[in-house]
Protein backbone atom coordinates (compact mmCIF):
# COMPACT_ATOMS: atom_id res chain seq x y z
CA MET A 1 110.80 96.06 88.12
CA THR A 2 108.39 94.66 85.15
CA PRO A 3 106.73 96.87 83.01
CA ALA A 4 103.18 94.80 84.02
CA ALA A 5 104.53 95.71 87.90
CA ILE A 6 105.68 99.57 86.87
CA GLU A 7 101.86 100.19 84.86
CA LYS A 8 99.94 98.27 87.90
CA PHE A 9 101.62 100.69 90.24
CA LEU A 10 100.97 103.77 88.45
CA LEU A 11 97.41 103.10 87.80
CA SER A 12 96.77 102.54 91.44
CA LEU A 13 97.53 106.28 91.99
CA PRO A 14 94.60 108.07 92.66
CA ARG A 15 92.59 109.55 89.62
CA VAL A 16 95.15 108.31 87.37
CA THR A 17 94.10 107.41 83.81
CA LEU A 18 96.18 105.64 80.57
CA SER A 19 95.96 106.41 76.98
CA ILE A 20 98.03 105.39 74.43
CA GLN A 21 99.91 108.15 71.87
CA TRP A 22 102.82 108.36 69.45
CA GLY A 23 102.44 104.88 68.14
CA ALA A 24 101.80 102.71 71.22
CA ASN A 25 103.26 104.26 74.08
CA ARG A 26 101.83 104.06 77.37
CA VAL A 27 101.11 107.56 78.64
CA PHE A 28 100.19 107.88 82.39
CA LYS A 29 97.91 111.05 82.99
CA MET A 30 96.52 113.19 86.36
CA GLY A 31 94.18 115.73 85.49
CA GLY A 32 94.68 115.40 81.59
CA LYS A 33 98.31 116.22 82.45
CA MET A 34 101.15 113.71 81.66
CA PHE A 35 103.57 112.32 84.32
CA ALA A 36 105.08 109.39 82.97
CA ILE A 37 105.53 107.71 79.62
CA LEU A 38 106.02 103.93 79.25
CA SER A 39 107.75 102.89 76.20
CA PRO A 40 105.81 100.21 73.65
CA GLU A 41 105.56 96.31 74.40
CA GLY A 42 108.30 94.85 72.08
CA SER A 43 110.50 98.08 71.96
CA ARG A 44 114.28 96.70 73.41
CA PRO A 45 114.96 97.56 75.99
CA ARG A 46 111.80 99.04 77.55
CA ALA A 47 111.94 102.64 78.72
CA LEU A 48 110.47 104.83 81.26
CA SER A 49 109.91 108.44 81.32
CA PHE A 50 108.63 110.71 84.59
CA LYS A 51 108.63 114.10 85.71
CA ALA A 52 110.82 114.68 88.27
CA GLY A 53 111.40 117.61 90.69
CA ASP A 54 114.37 120.20 90.21
CA ASP A 55 116.73 118.70 92.65
CA SER A 56 115.87 115.04 91.87
CA PHE A 57 115.92 115.57 88.26
CA HIS A 58 119.98 116.78 88.70
CA ILE A 59 120.82 113.85 90.77
CA LEU A 60 118.95 111.13 88.59
CA THR A 61 120.81 112.63 85.27
CA LYS A 62 124.17 111.66 86.92
CA LEU A 63 122.98 108.35 87.28
CA ALA A 64 123.82 105.63 84.67
CA ARG A 65 121.39 104.61 82.19
CA ILE A 66 119.16 108.02 82.91
CA ILE A 67 119.23 110.94 80.62
CA PRO A 68 117.36 113.88 80.20
CA ALA A 69 114.10 112.98 78.64
CA PRO A 70 113.85 113.82 74.90
CA TYR A 71 111.67 117.11 74.34
CA LEU A 72 110.63 117.09 77.68
CA ALA A 73 114.06 117.94 79.73
CA ARG A 74 113.23 121.59 79.90
CA ALA A 75 110.38 120.52 81.66
CA HIS A 76 112.71 118.28 84.27
CA TRP A 77 111.66 114.85 82.82
CA VAL A 78 114.06 112.27 83.19
CA TYR A 79 114.29 109.18 80.52
CA LEU A 80 115.25 105.66 82.02
CA GLU A 81 117.19 103.57 79.45
CA ARG A 82 116.18 100.60 80.94
CA LEU A 83 113.75 100.09 83.42
CA ASP A 84 115.92 98.47 86.28
CA ALA A 85 117.89 101.96 86.19
CA LEU A 86 116.71 102.26 89.77
CA PRO A 87 115.78 99.99 92.48
CA PRO A 88 112.42 98.77 92.87
CA ALA A 89 111.61 100.87 95.90
CA ASP A 90 113.14 104.05 94.52
CA LEU A 91 111.42 103.52 91.38
CA ARG A 92 108.09 103.77 92.81
CA ALA A 93 108.85 106.79 95.10
CA TYR A 94 109.94 108.62 92.17
CA LEU A 95 106.80 107.67 90.11
CA ALA A 96 104.36 108.41 92.95
CA ARG A 97 106.57 112.11 93.25
CA ALA A 98 105.83 112.79 89.70
CA HIS A 99 102.13 112.43 90.19
CA ALA A 100 102.20 114.50 93.37
CA ILE A 101 104.00 117.21 91.12
CA VAL A 102 101.41 117.25 88.41
CA SER A 103 98.38 116.75 90.92
CA ALA A 104 100.15 119.84 92.64
CA GLY A 105 100.31 121.93 89.26
CA LEU A 106 96.58 121.66 88.44
CA PRO A 107 94.33 124.53 89.05
CA ARG A 108 92.75 124.58 92.07
CA LYS A 109 89.03 124.25 90.29
CA ALA A 110 90.39 121.05 88.71
CA GLN A 111 92.00 119.65 91.83
CA ILE A 112 88.50 120.33 93.54
CA ALA A 113 86.76 118.45 90.88
CA LEU A 114 89.31 115.51 90.96
CA GLY A 115 88.72 114.98 94.60
CA LEU A 116 92.29 116.07 95.45
CA LEU A 117 90.90 119.32 97.78
CA SER A 118 87.77 119.64 99.46
CA GLU A 119 86.17 122.90 98.51
CA PRO A 120 86.39 125.44 101.48
CA LYS A 121 83.78 126.14 103.46
CA ARG A 122 82.58 129.62 102.62
CA LYS A 123 82.19 131.87 105.16
CA ALA A 124 78.51 133.58 106.28
CA PRO A 125 78.10 137.01 104.56
CA LYS A 126 78.29 139.83 107.26
CA LYS A 127 75.56 141.50 108.64
CA ARG A 128 74.72 145.05 107.60
CA ARG A 129 73.94 147.06 110.27
């Protein structure tokens, strides 16, 4: 996938924001929590890091050109040394999963505020006798 296609896909996910951090890295966030980082334009080769599930982290880091992400590996982030390290369909699936993992980790109040959960209906108070 091209960097533009990756960015377009990430921004199509619900409630995603983009910020430029650490120089010119493109950091994709959900509810203020990052879930993917695309290296700056002009860096060669372009690289991508994202949050992975426990099992996915172990599977992905056994593949060529995918390593534990520097500084973030303990939180199960992977680093794709090249954007073509995974087939496009697989990459989209892993990025959508990264978004879901971070979304699920947000506090319930934040999930409700972002429209990810509906506020539960409050039960009517019991009548006193």
